[in-house]
Protein backbone atom coordinates (compact mmCIF):
# COMPACT_ATOMS: atom_id res chain seq x y z
CA MET A 1 3.82 14.28 1.33
CA LYS A 2 4.08 16.41 -1.78
CA ILE A 3 0.52 17.75 -1.54
CA LEU A 4 1.13 19.05 1.98
CA TRP A 5 4.19 20.94 0.71
CA LEU A 6 2.07 22.46 -2.05
CA VAL A 7 -0.54 23.67 0.45
CA PHE A 8 2.25 25.25 2.50
CA VAL A 9 3.71 27.02 -0.53
CA LEU A 10 0.33 28.40 -1.56
CA ALA A 11 -0.35 29.66 1.96
CA LEU A 12 3.11 31.22 2.18
CA VAL A 13 2.96 33.13 -1.08
CA SER A 14 -0.66 34.18 -0.52
CA SER A 15 0.38 35.88 2.71
CA GLN A 16 2.83 38.00 0.73
CA GLN A 17 0.48 39.20 -1.98
CA ASN A 18 0.43 42.78 -0.69
CA SER A 19 4.20 43.16 -0.93
CA PRO A 20 6.44 43.33 -4.01
CA GLU A 21 6.82 39.85 -5.43
CA PRO A 22 10.19 38.56 -6.70
CA ASP A 23 10.07 36.74 -10.01
CA GLU A 24 11.11 33.41 -8.50
CA LEU A 25 8.38 33.67 -5.85
CA ALA A 26 5.81 34.28 -8.59
CA THR A 27 7.17 31.28 -10.47
CA MET A 28 7.00 29.12 -7.34
CA ARG A 29 3.40 30.11 -6.75
CA HIS A 30 2.47 29.42 -10.38
CA LEU A 31 4.09 25.97 -10.35
CA ALA A 32 2.51 25.12 -7.00
CA ARG A 33 -0.93 26.07 -8.29
CA LEU A 34 -0.45 24.00 -11.44
CA GLU A 35 0.65 20.99 -9.39
CA TYR A 36 -2.18 21.48 -6.91
CA GLU A 37 -4.71 21.58 -9.76
CA ARG A 38 -3.19 18.43 -11.25
CA HIS A 39 -3.57 16.71 -7.89
CA ARG A 40 -7.13 18.02 -7.49
CA GLN A 41 -8.14 16.60 -10.87
CA ALA A 42 -6.59 13.23 -9.97
CA ALA A 43 -8.36 13.23 -6.61
CA PHE A 44 -11.67 14.09 -8.27
CA LYS A 45 -11.37 11.09 -10.61
CA LEU A 46 -10.41 8.79 -7.75
CA ASN A 47 -13.31 9.97 -5.61
CA GLU A 48 -15.69 9.29 -8.48
CA LEU A 49 -14.20 5.82 -8.91
CA ALA A 50 -14.41 5.13 -5.16
CA GLY A 51 -18.16 5.76 -5.37
CA ARG A 52 -18.81 3.31 -8.20
CA ILE A 53 -16.74 0.18 -7.61
CA HIS A 54 -18.64 -2.70 -9.21
CA SER A 55 -15.83 -5.19 -9.86
CA GLN A 56 -12.40 -6.18 -8.66
CA ALA A 57 -11.01 -4.40 -11.72
CA ASP A 58 -12.65 -1.17 -10.54
CA ALA A 59 -11.21 -1.69 -7.07
CA LEU A 60 -7.73 -2.31 -8.46
CA ALA A 61 -7.93 0.80 -10.63
CA PHE A 62 -8.87 2.80 -7.54
CA VAL A 63 -6.02 1.37 -5.46
CA ASP A 64 -3.55 1.85 -8.33
CA GLY A 65 -4.55 5.51 -8.49
CA ILE A 66 -3.99 5.99 -4.76
CA VAL A 67 -0.60 4.26 -4.85
CA ASP A 68 0.49 6.26 -7.88
CA ILE A 69 -0.20 9.54 -6.08
CA PHE A 70 2.08 8.51 -3.21
CA SER A 71 4.64 6.66 -5.32
CA ASP A 72 7.34 9.22 -4.54
CA SER A 73 7.17 8.44 -0.80
CA LEU A 74 6.31 4.71 -0.75
CA PRO A 75 9.07 2.08 -0.50
CA ALA A 76 9.07 -0.20 -3.54
CA GLU A 77 7.96 -3.25 -1.53
CA TRP A 78 4.81 -1.40 -0.43
CA ALA A 79 3.88 -0.21 -3.91
CA GLY A 80 4.14 -3.53 -5.74
CA PRO A 81 1.38 -5.57 -7.43
CA ILE A 82 0.91 -8.07 -4.58
CA VAL A 83 0.15 -5.34 -2.04
CA ARG A 84 -2.11 -3.50 -4.50
CA GLN A 85 -4.08 -6.65 -5.33
CA ARG A 86 -4.49 -7.55 -1.65
CA ILE A 87 -5.90 -4.11 -0.82
CA ALA A 88 -8.09 -4.09 -3.94
CA TYR A 89 -9.55 -7.48 -3.02
CA ALA A 90 -10.46 -6.22 0.47
CA GLU A 91 -11.87 -3.01 -1.00
CA PHE A 92 -14.14 -4.86 -3.41
CA GLU A 93 -15.29 -7.27 -0.70
CA ALA A 94 -16.20 -4.35 1.57
CA VAL A 95 -18.25 -2.45 -1.02
CA SER A 96 -19.97 -5.63 -2.23
CA ASP A 97 -21.12 -6.89 1.17
CA PRO A 98 -21.44 -4.79 4.37
CA SER A 99 -20.64 -7.90 6.42
CA ARG A 100 -17.19 -7.87 4.79
CA LEU A 101 -16.28 -4.42 6.12
CA ILE A 102 -13.09 -4.38 8.18
CA PRO A 103 -14.14 -4.25 11.86
CA GLU A 104 -12.94 -1.25 13.83
CA GLN A 105 -11.84 -3.65 16.56
CA ARG A 106 -9.49 -5.39 14.10
CA ILE A 107 -7.90 -2.06 13.24
CA ALA A 108 -7.50 -1.33 16.95
CA ASP A 109 -5.98 -4.78 17.57
CA VAL A 110 -3.49 -4.44 14.71
CA TRP A 111 -2.50 -0.93 15.78
CA ASN A 112 -2.13 -1.91 19.43
CA GLU A 113 0.09 -4.84 18.47
CA TYR A 114 2.29 -2.39 16.57
CA VAL A 115 2.66 0.21 19.32
CA ARG A 116 3.37 -2.43 21.96
CA GLU A 117 5.99 -4.07 19.76
CA ILE A 118 7.86 -0.80 19.19
CA GLY A 119 7.57 0.19 22.85
CA ALA A 120 5.31 3.23 22.45
CA PRO A 121 3.71 4.66 25.62
CA GLU A 122 0.28 3.49 26.79
CA GLU A 123 -1.27 6.68 25.39
CA ALA A 124 -0.85 5.19 21.92
CA VAL A 125 -3.17 2.23 22.66
CA VAL A 126 -6.63 2.71 21.09
CA ASN A 127 -10.09 1.17 21.25
CA SER A 128 -12.83 0.81 18.65
CA ALA A 129 -14.88 3.73 20.02
CA GLU A 130 -11.94 6.10 19.53
CA ILE A 131 -11.41 4.86 16.00
CA HIS A 132 -15.11 5.34 15.25
CA SER A 133 -14.97 8.92 16.53
CA MET A 134 -11.92 9.62 14.35
CA ARG A 135 -13.68 8.19 11.30
CA ASP A 136 -16.87 10.14 12.00
CA ALA A 137 -14.96 13.42 12.21
CA ALA A 138 -12.85 12.68 9.13
CA PHE A 139 -15.88 11.73 7.04
CA ALA A 140 -18.01 14.70 8.09
CA SER A 141 -15.26 17.27 7.54
CA SER A 142 -14.15 15.69 4.26
CA ARG A 143 -17.70 15.62 2.89
CA LEU A 144 -18.18 19.28 3.83
CA MET A 145 -14.95 20.46 2.22
CA TRP A 146 -15.45 18.31 -0.85
CA THR A 147 -19.03 19.36 -1.57
CA ARG A 148 -18.16 23.04 -1.06
CA GLY A 149 -15.10 22.71 -3.28
CA THR A 150 -12.90 24.39 -0.67
CA ASN A 151 -10.39 21.55 -0.46
CA GLN A 152 -10.57 18.71 -2.96
CA THR A 153 -7.52 16.51 -2.45
CA VAL A 154 -6.81 12.85 -1.86
CA TRP A 155 -7.13 13.62 1.87
CA THR A 156 -10.73 14.86 1.58
CA MET A 157 -12.24 12.25 -0.76
CA SER A 158 -15.56 11.50 0.91
CA ASN A 159 -16.44 8.41 -1.16
CA ILE A 160 -13.76 6.25 0.46
CA TYR A 161 -15.79 5.90 3.67
CA ALA A 162 -18.16 3.08 4.54
CA THR A 163 -21.58 4.46 5.51
CA ASP A 164 -24.85 2.95 6.70
CA SER A 165 -28.36 3.36 5.31
CA ASN A 166 -28.73 6.68 7.18
CA GLY A 167 -25.63 8.17 5.63
CA LYS A 168 -23.70 7.93 8.92
CA ILE A 169 -20.31 6.31 9.23
CA ALA A 170 -20.64 2.53 9.41
CA ASP A 171 -19.19 0.36 12.17
CA GLY A 172 -16.65 -1.14 9.76
CA CYS A 173 -14.20 0.25 7.23
CA ARG A 174 -13.36 -0.15 3.60
CA ALA A 175 -9.75 -1.12 2.86
CA VAL A 176 -8.35 2.26 1.77
CA GLU A 177 -10.21 3.94 4.61
CA ALA A 178 -8.60 1.52 7.09
CA LEU A 179 -5.16 2.48 5.81
CA ARG A 180 -6.04 6.13 6.21
CA ILE A 181 -6.94 5.52 9.87
CA ILE A 182 -3.59 3.78 10.45
CA TYR A 183 -1.87 6.77 8.80
CA GLU A 184 -3.70 9.21 11.08
CA LEU A 185 -2.80 7.23 14.17
CA ASP A 186 0.84 7.16 13.16
CA ARG A 187 1.33 10.63 11.70
CA LEU A 188 -1.53 12.78 13.02
CA PHE A 189 -1.74 11.63 16.62
CA ASP A 190 -3.57 14.78 17.71
CA ASN A 191 -6.58 13.46 15.77
CA LEU A 192 -6.77 10.61 18.27
CA ARG A 193 -6.44 13.04 21.18
CA ASP A 194 -9.30 15.09 19.72
CA ALA A 195 -11.43 11.94 19.38
CA ARG A 196 -10.82 11.08 23.02
CA ASP A 197 -11.81 14.56 24.06
CA ARG A 198 -15.06 14.33 22.08
CA LEU A 199 -15.88 10.97 23.65
CA ARG A 200 -15.34 12.36 27.15
CA LYS A 201 -17.69 15.25 26.36
CA GLY A 202 -20.27 13.09 24.56
CA ILE A 203 -19.77 14.97 21.27
CA VAL A 204 -20.38 13.43 17.86
CA ALA A 205 -18.43 15.48 15.31
CA SER A 206 -20.80 14.88 12.40
CA ASP A 207 -23.79 16.03 14.48
CA GLU A 208 -21.92 19.16 15.59
CA ILE A 209 -20.98 20.04 12.01
CA LYS A 210 -24.59 19.55 10.91
CA LYS A 211 -25.86 21.83 13.70
CA ARG A 212 -23.37 24.54 12.83
CA LEU A 213 -24.36 24.42 9.17
CA GLU A 214 -28.04 24.71 10.07
CA ASN A 215 -27.30 27.77 12.21
CA THR A 216 -24.85 29.42 9.84
CA ASN A 217 -25.48 32.26 7.42
CA PRO A 218 -25.76 30.75 3.90
CA SER A 219 -23.14 33.21 2.66
CA TYR A 220 -20.63 31.95 5.23
CA ARG A 221 -17.45 30.59 3.70
CA THR A 222 -15.08 28.13 5.30
CA THR A 223 -11.37 28.94 5.35
CA ALA A 224 -8.25 26.96 6.13
CA ARG A 225 -5.15 27.99 8.00
CA LEU A 226 -1.79 26.54 8.87
CA GLU A 227 -0.71 26.44 12.50
CA ALA A 228 2.75 25.78 13.88
CA ARG A 229 2.66 23.18 16.66
CA ILE A 230 5.26 21.43 18.74
CA ASP A 231 5.32 17.78 17.69
CA THR A 232 4.22 15.75 20.71
CA ASN A 233 3.49 12.55 18.79
CA PRO A 234 4.46 9.66 21.11
CA ILE A 235 4.90 7.31 18.14
CA ARG A 236 7.86 9.18 16.62
CA LEU A 237 10.43 8.55 19.36
CA ALA A 238 9.32 4.93 19.77
CA GLU A 239 9.73 4.26 16.04
CA TYR A 240 13.15 5.90 15.90
CA ALA A 241 14.34 3.92 18.93
CA TYR A 242 12.98 0.65 17.48
CA ILE A 243 14.77 1.22 14.16
CA ARG A 244 18.05 2.07 15.91
CA GLN A 245 17.82 -1.12 17.95
CA HIS A 246 16.46 -3.54 15.35
CA ARG A 247 17.18 -1.90 11.97
CA MET A 248 14.67 -0.99 9.27
CA GLY A 249 14.47 -4.53 7.91
CA ILE A 250 13.00 -5.84 11.17
CA LEU A 251 10.44 -3.03 11.20
CA ASN A 252 9.42 -3.95 7.65
CA GLN A 253 8.95 -7.56 8.76
CA LEU A 254 6.70 -6.36 11.56
CA LEU A 255 4.70 -4.19 9.16
CA GLY A 256 4.35 -7.11 6.76
CA ARG A 257 2.92 -9.31 9.52
CA LEU A 258 0.49 -6.61 10.61
CA PHE A 259 -0.57 -5.98 7.00
CA ALA A 260 -1.50 -9.67 6.70
CA GLU A 261 -3.54 -9.40 9.91
CA LEU A 262 -5.36 -6.32 8.65
CA PHE A 263 -6.10 -7.90 5.25
CA PRO A 264 -6.21 -11.68 5.85
CA VAL A 265 -6.16 -13.83 2.72
CA GLY A 266 -9.30 -15.72 1.82
CA GLU A 267 -11.49 -14.18 4.53
């Protein structure tokens, strides 16, 4: 994703600030900062819109904004009006009536159908408790970064999450939030491993973050860093093997069927 590249560029050039700076490196840093600020402003508007959806038109405007940000990496068939309208309908239903939230178990069922179809290892199979732990951690960390202004991007918009009357993560998801969870499971598999570890230890991420904030010096500032890791995502090899065997068109048919299961028409 473009925004991840921008974060990498900013981190790279910042680490070289104490050394002589070539003109093209200075230009790269300047352009990256301009693009990052443009993205931040877009994310800010989308987060505001996510928090005040009162009609299907509002929901569609929100979904359109999300799709537009990722238009450079989305296949045309997944960025078209039918897909947008389907997601927007589910989004509006979820914010209008808590009983219309997308159940975590449905997300688990859809994901598990996917990983079994592509032949991923058993480690990739999830349950609703693991999804809830992932959502709790994502919401708590996003809200912290967003309110402190340390990282305001489309990945840290805190208003996309469904919450209960106590401000905790709800048992069901909004539509865009559900897609984010699927993205995490597919691309950021370590987030699922972390959720499993928390469940084994009886840790609730949002409670831990709250405790740390209560025991932290008010002048404390959060920082971010990039770490190089060996990719041990079990989904990658399974997806590549499935595409080699069945071709991309068959995978798209599978994704289309699963999309319909995640966002059933007329429910």
